[in-house]
Protein backbone atom coordinates (compact mmCIF):
# COMPACT_ATOMS: atom_id res chain seq x y z
CA UNK A 1 -9.22 4.94 25.81
CA UNK A 2 -11.12 2.34 23.83
CA UNK A 3 -10.22 -1.29 24.43
CA UNK A 4 -11.59 -4.17 22.41
CA UNK A 5 -11.06 -7.86 23.05
CA UNK A 6 -11.49 -10.52 20.41
CA UNK A 7 -12.07 -14.21 20.79
CA UNK A 8 -9.79 -15.24 17.94
CA UNK A 9 -7.20 -13.53 15.74
CA UNK A 10 -5.25 -14.76 12.75
CA UNK A 11 -1.69 -13.52 12.19
CA UNK A 12 -0.33 -13.92 8.67
CA UNK A 13 3.46 -13.75 8.88
CA UNK A 14 5.86 -13.36 5.98
CA UNK A 15 8.86 -15.38 7.23
CA UNK A 16 11.35 -13.48 5.05
CA UNK A 17 10.22 -9.94 5.90
CA UNK A 18 12.37 -7.78 8.13
CA UNK A 19 15.40 -8.76 10.15
CA UNK A 20 13.58 -9.93 13.27
CA UNK A 21 13.75 -13.56 14.41
CA UNK A 22 10.35 -15.03 13.56
CA UNK A 23 10.31 -17.64 16.33
CA UNK A 24 10.83 -14.87 18.86
CA UNK A 25 8.17 -12.75 17.17
CA UNK A 26 5.64 -15.57 17.27
CA UNK A 27 6.33 -16.00 21.00
CA UNK A 28 5.70 -12.26 21.49
CA UNK A 29 2.42 -12.46 19.57
CA UNK A 30 1.20 -15.41 21.61
CA UNK A 31 2.25 -13.76 24.87
CA UNK A 32 0.51 -10.49 24.01
CA UNK A 33 -2.70 -12.30 23.09
CA UNK A 34 -2.59 -14.59 26.12
CA UNK A 35 -2.10 -11.61 28.44
CA UNK A 36 -5.45 -10.24 27.27
CA UNK A 37 -7.39 -13.48 27.00
CA UNK A 38 -7.31 -13.58 23.20
CA UNK A 39 -6.96 -16.77 21.20
CA UNK A 40 -4.70 -16.59 18.15
CA UNK A 41 -3.47 -18.64 15.24
CA UNK A 42 -0.32 -18.00 13.21
CA UNK A 43 0.06 -18.77 9.53
CA UNK A 44 3.43 -18.43 7.79
CA UNK A 45 3.21 -17.59 4.12
CA UNK A 46 5.02 -19.91 1.71
CA UNK A 47 4.59 -18.12 -1.60
CA UNK A 48 2.45 -20.98 -2.91
CA UNK A 49 -1.36 -20.78 -2.72
CA UNK A 50 -1.25 -18.45 0.28
CA UNK A 51 -4.39 -16.59 -0.75
CA UNK A 52 -6.38 -19.80 -1.15
CA UNK A 53 -5.17 -21.16 2.20
CA UNK A 54 -5.99 -17.95 4.06
CA UNK A 55 -9.38 -17.67 2.36
CA UNK A 56 -10.23 -21.19 3.50
CA UNK A 57 -9.15 -20.41 7.06
CA UNK A 58 -11.40 -17.35 7.07
CA UNK A 59 -14.33 -19.43 5.87
CA UNK A 60 -13.71 -22.24 8.35
CA UNK A 61 -12.98 -20.29 11.52
CA UNK A 62 -14.40 -16.78 11.18
CA UNK A 63 -11.63 -14.82 12.90
CA UNK A 64 -12.49 -11.51 14.53
CA UNK A 65 -9.49 -9.78 12.91
CA UNK A 66 -6.59 -10.70 10.66
CA UNK A 67 -3.15 -9.16 11.13
CA UNK A 68 -0.68 -8.89 8.27
CA UNK A 69 2.81 -9.28 9.73
CA UNK A 70 5.27 -8.25 7.03
CA UNK A 71 5.73 -5.67 4.32
CA UNK A 72 3.43 -4.08 1.75
CA UNK A 73 3.05 -7.33 -0.19
CA UNK A 74 1.77 -9.19 2.86
CA UNK A 75 -0.58 -6.32 3.70
CA UNK A 76 -1.97 -6.30 0.15
CA UNK A 77 -2.43 -10.08 0.22
CA UNK A 78 -4.43 -10.04 3.45
CA UNK A 79 -6.37 -6.87 2.64
CA UNK A 80 -7.55 -8.26 -0.69
CA UNK A 81 -9.35 -11.04 1.21
CA UNK A 82 -11.05 -8.69 3.67
CA UNK A 83 -12.56 -6.09 1.32
CA UNK A 84 -16.35 -5.91 1.63
CA UNK A 85 -16.31 -8.04 4.79
CA UNK A 86 -16.79 -7.20 8.48
CA UNK A 87 -13.36 -8.56 9.39
CA UNK A 88 -10.84 -5.79 10.12
CA UNK A 89 -7.25 -5.71 8.86
CA UNK A 90 -4.49 -5.19 11.38
CA UNK A 91 -0.88 -4.47 10.42
CA UNK A 92 2.36 -5.32 12.21
CA UNK A 93 4.87 -3.67 9.84
CA UNK A 94 8.07 -5.58 9.09
CA UNK A 95 8.92 -4.64 5.49
CA UNK A 96 11.41 -2.21 4.01
CA UNK A 97 8.66 0.22 2.98
CA UNK A 98 5.49 -0.28 5.03
CA UNK A 99 3.72 2.43 3.05
CA UNK A 100 0.09 1.87 4.10
CA UNK A 101 0.91 1.41 7.78
CA UNK A 102 2.79 4.73 7.79
CA UNK A 103 -0.13 6.53 6.15
CA UNK A 104 -2.43 5.03 8.80
CA UNK A 105 -0.01 6.18 11.56
CA UNK A 106 0.44 2.62 12.79
CA UNK A 107 3.56 2.33 14.99
CA UNK A 108 6.59 1.07 13.10
CA UNK A 109 8.04 -0.42 16.27
CA UNK A 110 6.97 -4.08 16.54
CA UNK A 111 6.24 -4.04 20.27
CA UNK A 112 4.14 -0.89 19.98
CA UNK A 113 2.28 -2.25 16.97
CA UNK A 114 1.47 -5.46 18.87
CA UNK A 115 -0.38 -3.40 21.47
CA UNK A 116 -3.06 -2.86 18.85
CA UNK A 117 -4.33 -6.40 19.41
CA UNK A 118 -5.94 -5.29 22.68
CA UNK A 119 -6.24 -1.51 22.37
CA UNK A 120 -7.41 0.07 19.12
CA UNK A 121 -10.18 1.60 17.09
CA UNK A 122 -11.65 0.26 13.85
CA UNK A 123 -12.25 2.58 10.92
CA UNK A 124 -13.32 2.07 7.31
CA UNK A 125 -11.10 3.13 4.40
CA UNK A 126 -11.65 3.19 0.65
CA UNK A 127 -10.16 0.69 -1.76
CA UNK A 128 -9.89 0.83 -5.53
CA UNK A 129 -9.65 -1.81 -8.23
CA UNK A 130 -7.61 -1.79 -11.42
CA UNK A 131 -9.25 -4.09 -13.95
CA UNK A 132 -10.75 -5.85 -10.95
CA UNK A 133 -7.46 -6.20 -9.03
CA UNK A 134 -7.64 -4.56 -5.56
CA UNK A 135 -5.30 -1.70 -4.74
CA UNK A 136 -5.20 -0.50 -1.14
CA UNK A 137 -2.36 1.99 -1.21
CA UNK A 138 -0.50 3.22 -4.31
CA UNK A 139 -0.15 1.84 -7.83
CA UNK A 140 1.59 3.36 -10.77
CA UNK A 141 2.90 3.30 -14.31
CA UNK A 142 6.10 4.79 -15.63
CA UNK A 143 9.47 5.38 -14.02
CA UNK A 144 8.72 4.25 -10.48
CA UNK A 145 6.93 1.12 -11.75
CA UNK A 146 10.03 0.26 -13.77
CA UNK A 147 12.20 0.63 -10.67
CA UNK A 148 9.77 -1.53 -8.67
CA UNK A 149 9.92 -4.23 -11.37
CA UNK A 150 13.73 -4.23 -11.34
CA UNK A 151 13.74 -4.22 -7.54
CA UNK A 152 11.33 -7.17 -7.25
CA UNK A 153 13.32 -9.25 -9.73
CA UNK A 154 16.61 -8.57 -7.93
CA UNK A 155 18.28 -10.50 -5.13
CA UNK A 156 18.65 -7.70 -2.60
CA UNK A 157 16.07 -5.73 -0.60
CA UNK A 158 15.95 -2.52 1.37
CA UNK A 159 15.90 1.21 0.53
CA UNK A 160 19.55 1.22 -0.51
CA UNK A 161 18.93 -1.31 -3.27
CA UNK A 162 15.85 0.59 -4.45
CA UNK A 163 17.77 3.89 -4.59
CA UNK A 164 20.64 2.26 -6.52
CA UNK A 165 18.25 0.88 -9.16
CA UNK A 166 16.52 4.26 -9.43
CA UNK A 167 19.82 6.02 -10.08
CA UNK A 168 20.77 3.47 -12.73
CA UNK A 169 17.49 3.87 -14.61
CA UNK A 170 17.00 7.62 -14.25
CA UNK A 171 19.32 9.10 -16.86
CA UNK A 172 18.14 6.85 -19.69
CA UNK A 173 14.42 6.94 -18.90
CA UNK A 174 12.12 8.78 -21.30
CA UNK A 175 8.51 9.78 -20.47
CA UNK A 176 5.79 7.65 -22.04
CA UNK A 177 2.45 8.66 -23.55
CA UNK A 178 -0.86 8.10 -21.80
CA UNK A 179 -4.50 8.97 -22.25
CA UNK A 180 -6.49 9.27 -19.02
CA UNK A 181 -10.25 9.71 -19.00
CA UNK A 182 -11.82 10.37 -15.59
CA UNK A 183 -15.38 11.15 -14.55
CA UNK A 184 -14.40 14.84 -14.54
CA UNK A 185 -11.63 15.49 -17.08
CA UNK A 186 -9.28 14.12 -19.74
CA UNK A 187 -5.48 14.11 -19.88
CA UNK A 188 -3.51 13.07 -22.92
CA UNK A 189 0.23 13.36 -23.32
CA UNK A 190 3.58 12.24 -21.95
CA UNK A 191 4.33 11.65 -18.28
CA UNK A 192 7.40 10.60 -16.35
CA UNK A 193 5.16 8.63 -13.99
CA UNK A 194 1.46 8.13 -13.33
CA UNK A 195 0.45 7.20 -9.77
CA UNK A 196 -3.02 6.00 -8.83
CA UNK A 197 -3.17 7.08 -5.21
CA UNK A 198 -5.64 5.94 -2.58
CA UNK A 199 -3.23 7.18 0.07
CA UNK A 200 -0.29 9.57 0.42
CA UNK A 201 3.31 8.38 0.44
CA UNK A 202 5.39 5.54 -0.91
CA UNK A 203 7.16 3.32 1.60
CA UNK A 204 10.29 5.34 0.89
CA UNK A 205 8.43 8.34 2.46
CA UNK A 206 8.23 10.15 -0.89
CA UNK A 207 4.85 11.89 -0.58
CA UNK A 208 3.23 11.86 -4.03
CA UNK A 209 -0.26 12.79 -2.79
CA UNK A 210 0.07 15.03 0.30
CA UNK A 211 -3.62 15.92 0.58
CA UNK A 212 -5.05 12.48 -0.14
CA UNK A 213 -7.64 11.13 2.30
CA UNK A 214 -8.12 7.39 2.66
CA UNK A 215 -11.87 7.50 3.20
CA UNK A 216 -13.22 10.42 1.17
CA UNK A 217 -14.71 8.34 -1.65
CA UNK A 218 -12.21 9.65 -4.19
CA UNK A 219 -8.76 8.71 -5.45
CA UNK A 220 -6.10 10.79 -7.14
CA UNK A 221 -4.14 10.20 -10.33
CA UNK A 222 -0.86 12.00 -9.70
CA UNK A 223 1.21 12.91 -12.73
CA UNK A 224 4.84 13.93 -12.91
CA UNK A 225 5.04 15.52 -16.33
CA UNK A 226 8.23 15.64 -18.43
CA UNK A 227 11.01 17.72 -16.91
CA UNK A 228 14.66 18.50 -17.62
CA UNK A 229 16.99 15.95 -16.03
CA UNK A 230 18.57 18.74 -14.02
CA UNK A 231 15.22 19.42 -12.34
CA UNK A 232 15.14 15.92 -10.85
CA UNK A 233 16.82 16.87 -7.58
CA UNK A 234 14.28 19.64 -7.00
CA UNK A 235 11.36 17.29 -7.66
CA UNK A 236 12.85 14.70 -5.33
CA UNK A 237 13.23 17.36 -2.63
CA UNK A 238 9.57 18.33 -2.98
CA UNK A 239 8.50 14.69 -2.75
CA UNK A 240 10.35 14.30 0.54
CA UNK A 241 9.14 17.60 2.00
CA UNK A 242 5.42 17.04 1.28
CA UNK A 243 5.44 19.88 -1.24
CA UNK A 244 5.19 18.16 -4.63
CA UNK A 245 1.99 20.14 -5.30
CA UNK A 246 4.12 23.27 -5.68
CA UNK A 247 6.11 21.79 -8.58
CA UNK A 248 5.26 23.03 -12.07
CA UNK A 249 5.78 19.45 -13.25
CA UNK A 250 3.12 18.00 -10.91
CA UNK A 251 -0.52 17.53 -11.88
CA UNK A 252 -3.34 15.81 -10.02
CA UNK A 253 -6.65 14.43 -11.23
CA UNK A 254 -9.15 13.77 -8.42
CA UNK A 255 -11.84 11.31 -9.42
CA UNK A 256 -14.21 8.45 -8.59
CA UNK A 257 -13.51 6.45 -11.74
CA UNK A 258 -11.03 6.54 -14.59
CA UNK A 259 -9.71 4.67 -17.59
CA UNK A 260 -5.99 4.84 -18.25
CA UNK A 261 -4.84 4.01 -21.77
CA UNK A 262 -1.30 2.71 -21.49
CA UNK A 263 -0.43 3.70 -25.05
CA UNK A 264 3.16 2.44 -25.03
CA UNK A 265 2.70 -0.67 -22.91
CA UNK A 266 4.67 0.73 -19.98
CA UNK A 267 5.21 -1.47 -16.93
CA UNK A 268 3.06 -0.98 -13.85
CA UNK A 269 2.57 -2.25 -10.32
CA UNK A 270 -0.24 -2.54 -7.77
CA UNK A 271 0.80 -1.88 -4.17
CA UNK A 272 4.41 -2.71 -5.00
CA UNK A 273 3.72 -5.91 -6.97
CA UNK A 274 4.49 -5.73 -10.73
CA UNK A 275 1.54 -6.64 -12.94
CA UNK A 276 0.55 -6.50 -16.61
CA UNK A 277 -3.00 -5.21 -17.03
CA UNK A 278 -2.87 -4.59 -20.76
CA UNK A 279 -3.39 -1.41 -22.73
CA UNK A 280 -6.62 -0.29 -21.02
CA UNK A 281 -6.82 0.00 -17.23
CA UNK A 282 -10.20 0.71 -15.64
CA UNK A 283 -9.94 2.18 -12.16
CA UNK A 284 -12.96 2.06 -9.86
CA UNK A 285 -13.54 3.39 -6.36
CA UNK A 286 -15.05 1.26 -3.57
CA UNK A 287 -15.87 3.67 -0.74
CA UNK A 288 -15.16 2.58 2.85
CA UNK A 289 -14.92 -1.04 1.78
CA UNK A 290 -12.13 -2.17 4.13
CA UNK A 291 -12.09 -2.09 7.92
CA UNK A 292 -8.69 -1.33 9.43
CA UNK A 293 -7.34 -1.45 12.96
CA UNK A 294 -5.79 1.84 14.08
CA UNK A 295 -4.20 3.31 17.20
CA UNK A 296 -6.67 4.91 19.58
CA UNK A 297 -5.06 8.26 18.79
CA UNK A 298 -6.78 8.02 15.39
CA UNK A 299 -10.23 7.97 16.98
CA UNK A 300 -11.09 11.56 16.14
CA UNK A 301 -8.56 12.24 13.42
CA UNK A 302 -9.31 12.49 9.75
CA UNK A 303 -7.50 9.79 7.80
């Protein structure tokens, strides 16, 4: 078993993530660190200038690792500041999805995840950028991006709310047209959704890219092509049984770079955060550019 001790850790906590009492959580973090002789600092996000504040802390204090304590948005925020640095990203998942942490096999139980502060391995994973904006996990255009936009602008959270919005939007949604030029091939035509995948599954556990590897120097553009509405249940079943590759409506482009022409101005998101990148989206791969903290069980496993 590999054990690493650090002199100083920063924990970035989203105070509104999850249903756990944050004061109690902070006490647990401090206790876990103190038990292993590790100094720690806790920063609660406010939604205002968080990235600038955290960046300044990193410059001033040079933490050995930074832990994102929250959901996918908190993870993306912290990770974006650690790309191309020697400072590893740790994750204590608290969100409703926790997509990246699941793909990295990080424990979803808070107490088990906290054990990573003193017992872990560090590995490098790829990141990608979309018009310069970092994407660590999954980004997409089309139906799912529309649902994400509606979800983020709503007042309720959780998988139930997401599923309700998806059902409301599904029957009326029509595939949009895209042109995708990669370093290997070209796709042009309609698609129900277009997912730029550095990893495997959405936080909902729908596995859009079952064979994706987080550190192979490539990313996948996963297409769900137009299908009869009645086929939706079958596609959903395949997404939740890791078998979407067997669907006649699924297509995958594996590449190192790509340009996506969003011909109809469809909405999109990066790692669960809605964003408008315009009509032309350049996607670039940055191999093994982010260090991540993983359970020791991942020491010999392929990501």
